[in-house]
Amino acid sequence: MATTPPFNLTEIMPTAVAPNYTDSAVIGVVILLVLCTLAGLVYLLYRYMCHNKGIYRTTGEAAPGVDPDKVFHDTVTESKEYFI
């Protein structure tokens, strides 16, 4: 019987050598897009918080009991004039 050497894939199809450089333009664009997105979100959040500052909506029904307008009205007395 004839023995054949083991099959070696690299003899038939050579492997491609990986490049020794990194694509800095792609990395720079990705970092720039991430920073621009974060800056835009911070700006929108700031605008939202400043726009809604101090808005309190209390449109519920009045609580049962003493009317607060009546309580404050009773405590104020008008000055009376006396003619002699």
N, C-alpha and C. Protein backbone atom coordinates (compact mmCIF):
# COMPACT_ATOMS: atom_id res chain seq x y z
N MET A 1 0.83 -1.18 0.00
CA MET A 1 0.00 0.00 0.00
C MET A 1 0.87 1.24 0.00
N ALA A 2 0.38 2.16 -0.73
CA ALA A 2 1.11 3.41 -0.81
C ALA A 2 0.57 4.36 0.24
N THR A 3 1.43 4.95 0.95
CA THR A 3 1.00 5.92 1.96
C THR A 3 1.15 7.31 1.38
N THR A 4 0.13 8.13 1.60
CA THR A 4 0.15 9.51 1.12
C THR A 4 0.37 10.42 2.31
N PRO A 5 1.04 11.51 2.09
CA PRO A 5 1.22 12.43 3.22
C PRO A 5 -0.12 13.03 3.64
N PRO A 6 -0.25 13.47 4.89
CA PRO A 6 -1.52 14.06 5.34
C PRO A 6 -1.86 15.30 4.52
N PHE A 7 -3.15 15.50 4.37
CA PHE A 7 -3.67 16.62 3.57
C PHE A 7 -3.43 17.92 4.33
N ASN A 8 -2.80 18.86 3.69
CA ASN A 8 -2.49 20.14 4.33
C ASN A 8 -3.23 21.23 3.56
N LEU A 9 -4.14 21.93 4.23
CA LEU A 9 -4.98 22.94 3.58
C LEU A 9 -4.18 24.17 3.17
N THR A 10 -3.14 24.49 3.89
CA THR A 10 -2.37 25.69 3.57
C THR A 10 -1.59 25.56 2.28
N GLU A 11 -1.35 24.35 1.85
CA GLU A 11 -0.65 24.18 0.58
C GLU A 11 -1.56 24.51 -0.59
N ILE A 12 -2.85 24.25 -0.44
CA ILE A 12 -3.79 24.49 -1.53
C ILE A 12 -4.25 25.94 -1.53
N MET A 13 -4.63 26.45 -0.36
CA MET A 13 -5.19 27.80 -0.27
C MET A 13 -4.43 28.58 0.80
N PRO A 14 -3.56 29.48 0.42
CA PRO A 14 -2.80 30.22 1.43
C PRO A 14 -3.72 31.15 2.23
N THR A 15 -3.40 31.33 3.48
CA THR A 15 -4.19 32.20 4.34
C THR A 15 -3.80 33.65 4.10
N ALA A 16 -4.78 34.52 4.27
CA ALA A 16 -4.52 35.95 4.11
C ALA A 16 -3.91 36.50 5.39
N VAL A 17 -2.98 37.35 5.24
CA VAL A 17 -2.31 37.94 6.39
C VAL A 17 -3.16 39.12 6.87
N ALA A 18 -3.40 39.17 8.17
CA ALA A 18 -4.17 40.27 8.74
C ALA A 18 -3.36 41.56 8.64
N PRO A 19 -4.02 42.66 8.33
CA PRO A 19 -3.27 43.92 8.22
C PRO A 19 -2.74 44.35 9.59
N ASN A 20 -1.63 45.02 9.59
CA ASN A 20 -0.99 45.44 10.83
C ASN A 20 -1.45 46.81 11.30
N TYR A 21 -2.31 47.47 10.56
CA TYR A 21 -2.77 48.81 10.94
C TYR A 21 -4.25 48.76 11.30
N THR A 22 -4.68 49.70 12.11
CA THR A 22 -6.10 49.81 12.45
C THR A 22 -6.68 50.94 11.64
N ASP A 23 -7.94 50.82 11.32
CA ASP A 23 -8.59 51.85 10.50
C ASP A 23 -9.02 52.98 11.43
N SER A 24 -8.16 53.94 11.61
CA SER A 24 -8.41 55.01 12.57
C SER A 24 -9.53 55.94 12.13
N ALA A 25 -9.79 56.04 10.83
CA ALA A 25 -10.87 56.90 10.36
C ALA A 25 -12.22 56.36 10.81
N VAL A 26 -12.42 55.06 10.72
CA VAL A 26 -13.69 54.46 11.14
C VAL A 26 -13.86 54.60 12.64
N ILE A 27 -12.82 54.37 13.39
CA ILE A 27 -12.89 54.50 14.85
C ILE A 27 -13.20 55.95 15.23
N GLY A 28 -12.58 56.90 14.56
CA GLY A 28 -12.84 58.32 14.84
C GLY A 28 -14.27 58.71 14.53
N VAL A 29 -14.83 58.21 13.43
CA VAL A 29 -16.21 58.54 13.06
C VAL A 29 -17.18 57.94 14.08
N VAL A 30 -16.93 56.72 14.51
CA VAL A 30 -17.82 56.08 15.49
C VAL A 30 -17.78 56.84 16.81
N ILE A 31 -16.60 57.22 17.26
CA ILE A 31 -16.49 57.98 18.51
C ILE A 31 -17.17 59.34 18.37
N LEU A 32 -17.02 59.99 17.22
CA LEU A 32 -17.66 61.28 16.99
C LEU A 32 -19.18 61.16 17.00
N LEU A 33 -19.72 60.11 16.38
CA LEU A 33 -21.17 59.91 16.37
C LEU A 33 -21.70 59.64 17.77
N VAL A 34 -20.99 58.87 18.56
CA VAL A 34 -21.42 58.59 19.93
C VAL A 34 -21.41 59.87 20.76
N LEU A 35 -20.37 60.67 20.63
CA LEU A 35 -20.29 61.93 21.39
C LEU A 35 -21.37 62.92 20.96
N CYS A 36 -21.64 63.01 19.66
CA CYS A 36 -22.69 63.91 19.17
C CYS A 36 -24.07 63.46 19.66
N THR A 37 -24.30 62.16 19.68
CA THR A 37 -25.57 61.64 20.18
C THR A 37 -25.74 61.95 21.66
N LEU A 38 -24.69 61.75 22.44
CA LEU A 38 -24.77 62.06 23.87
C LEU A 38 -24.97 63.55 24.11
N ALA A 39 -24.29 64.39 23.34
CA ALA A 39 -24.46 65.83 23.49
C ALA A 39 -25.88 66.25 23.14
N GLY A 40 -26.45 65.67 22.11
CA GLY A 40 -27.83 65.98 21.73
C GLY A 40 -28.81 65.56 22.80
N LEU A 41 -28.61 64.39 23.38
CA LEU A 41 -29.50 63.93 24.45
C LEU A 41 -29.39 64.80 25.69
N VAL A 42 -28.19 65.22 26.03
CA VAL A 42 -28.01 66.11 27.18
C VAL A 42 -28.71 67.45 26.93
N TYR A 43 -28.60 67.98 25.72
CA TYR A 43 -29.26 69.24 25.38
C TYR A 43 -30.78 69.10 25.46
N LEU A 44 -31.33 68.02 24.91
CA LEU A 44 -32.78 67.83 24.97
C LEU A 44 -33.26 67.64 26.40
N LEU A 45 -32.50 66.93 27.21
CA LEU A 45 -32.87 66.75 28.61
C LEU A 45 -32.83 68.08 29.37
N TYR A 46 -31.82 68.89 29.10
CA TYR A 46 -31.72 70.21 29.74
C TYR A 46 -32.90 71.09 29.34
N ARG A 47 -33.25 71.11 28.05
CA ARG A 47 -34.38 71.92 27.59
C ARG A 47 -35.69 71.44 28.23
N TYR A 48 -35.88 70.14 28.32
CA TYR A 48 -37.08 69.59 28.92
C TYR A 48 -37.19 69.97 30.39
N MET A 49 -36.07 69.87 31.11
CA MET A 49 -36.11 70.19 32.54
C MET A 49 -36.32 71.68 32.78
N CYS A 50 -35.74 72.54 31.94
CA CYS A 50 -35.93 73.98 32.11
C CYS A 50 -37.34 74.39 31.70
N HIS A 51 -37.89 73.74 30.71
CA HIS A 51 -39.21 74.10 30.22
C HIS A 51 -40.29 73.72 31.23
N ASN A 52 -40.13 72.61 31.92
CA ASN A 52 -41.14 72.13 32.86
C ASN A 52 -40.85 72.54 34.29
N LYS A 53 -39.98 73.51 34.48
CA LYS A 53 -39.61 73.93 35.82
C LYS A 53 -40.75 74.76 36.43
N GLY A 54 -41.22 74.36 37.59
CA GLY A 54 -42.19 75.14 38.33
C GLY A 54 -43.63 75.00 37.89
N ILE A 55 -43.95 74.02 37.10
CA ILE A 55 -45.34 73.84 36.70
C ILE A 55 -45.97 72.82 37.65
N TYR A 56 -46.94 73.29 38.40
CA TYR A 56 -47.65 72.42 39.31
C TYR A 56 -49.13 72.47 38.94
N ARG A 57 -49.65 71.35 38.56
CA ARG A 57 -51.06 71.30 38.17
C ARG A 57 -51.82 70.56 39.26
N THR A 58 -52.61 71.31 40.00
CA THR A 58 -53.44 70.71 41.03
C THR A 58 -54.88 71.01 40.70
N THR A 59 -55.47 70.20 39.88
CA THR A 59 -56.85 70.44 39.44
C THR A 59 -57.82 69.45 40.07
N GLY A 60 -57.45 68.92 41.22
CA GLY A 60 -58.34 67.98 41.88
C GLY A 60 -59.49 68.70 42.56
N GLU A 61 -60.41 67.91 43.08
CA GLU A 61 -61.56 68.49 43.77
C GLU A 61 -61.13 68.98 45.15
N ALA A 62 -61.86 69.95 45.66
CA ALA A 62 -61.57 70.49 46.98
C ALA A 62 -61.92 69.46 48.05
N ALA A 63 -61.16 69.46 49.12
CA ALA A 63 -61.41 68.52 50.21
C ALA A 63 -62.66 68.94 50.97
N PRO A 64 -63.39 67.99 51.51
CA PRO A 64 -64.57 68.36 52.29
C PRO A 64 -64.15 69.01 53.60
N GLY A 65 -64.98 69.90 54.09
CA GLY A 65 -64.66 70.57 55.34
C GLY A 65 -64.81 72.07 55.19
N VAL A 66 -64.01 72.79 55.94
CA VAL A 66 -64.09 74.24 55.96
C VAL A 66 -63.50 74.81 54.68
N ASP A 67 -64.20 75.79 54.12
CA ASP A 67 -63.71 76.46 52.92
C ASP A 67 -62.54 77.36 53.31
N PRO A 68 -61.38 77.22 52.70
CA PRO A 68 -60.23 78.04 53.09
C PRO A 68 -60.43 79.53 52.82
N ASP A 69 -61.20 79.88 51.81
CA ASP A 69 -61.45 81.29 51.54
C ASP A 69 -62.28 81.92 52.66
N LYS A 70 -63.20 81.17 53.19
CA LYS A 70 -64.06 81.68 54.25
C LYS A 70 -63.27 81.89 55.54
N VAL A 71 -62.33 81.01 55.84
CA VAL A 71 -61.53 81.12 57.06
C VAL A 71 -60.68 82.39 57.01
N PHE A 72 -60.04 82.65 55.90
CA PHE A 72 -59.21 83.84 55.79
C PHE A 72 -60.05 85.11 55.74
N HIS A 73 -61.24 85.03 55.22
CA HIS A 73 -62.10 86.21 55.15
C HIS A 73 -62.60 86.61 56.54
N ASP A 74 -62.86 85.64 57.39
CA ASP A 74 -63.37 85.94 58.72
C ASP A 74 -62.29 86.57 59.61
N THR A 75 -61.05 86.26 59.40
CA THR A 75 -60.00 86.78 60.27
C THR A 75 -59.69 88.24 59.99
N VAL A 76 -60.01 88.72 58.81
CA VAL A 76 -59.73 90.12 58.47
C VAL A 76 -60.93 90.95 58.91
N THR A 77 -60.68 91.99 59.71
CA THR A 77 -61.77 92.87 60.15
C THR A 77 -61.60 94.22 59.48
N GLU A 78 -62.71 94.80 59.12
CA GLU A 78 -62.66 96.12 58.49
C GLU A 78 -62.56 97.18 59.58
N SER A 79 -61.89 98.27 59.28
CA SER A 79 -61.79 99.36 60.25
C SER A 79 -63.12 100.13 60.25
N LYS A 80 -63.58 100.48 61.44
CA LYS A 80 -64.86 101.18 61.56
C LYS A 80 -64.60 102.63 61.92
N GLU A 81 -65.44 103.49 61.40
CA GLU A 81 -65.31 104.91 61.69
C GLU A 81 -66.40 105.31 62.68
N TYR A 82 -66.01 106.09 63.69
CA TYR A 82 -66.97 106.58 64.68
C TYR A 82 -67.00 108.10 64.60
N PHE A 83 -68.19 108.66 64.44
CA PHE A 83 -68.36 110.12 64.41
C PHE A 83 -68.86 110.57 65.77
N ILE A 84 -68.24 111.58 66.34
CA ILE A 84 -68.66 112.10 67.63
C ILE A 84 -69.48 113.35 67.44
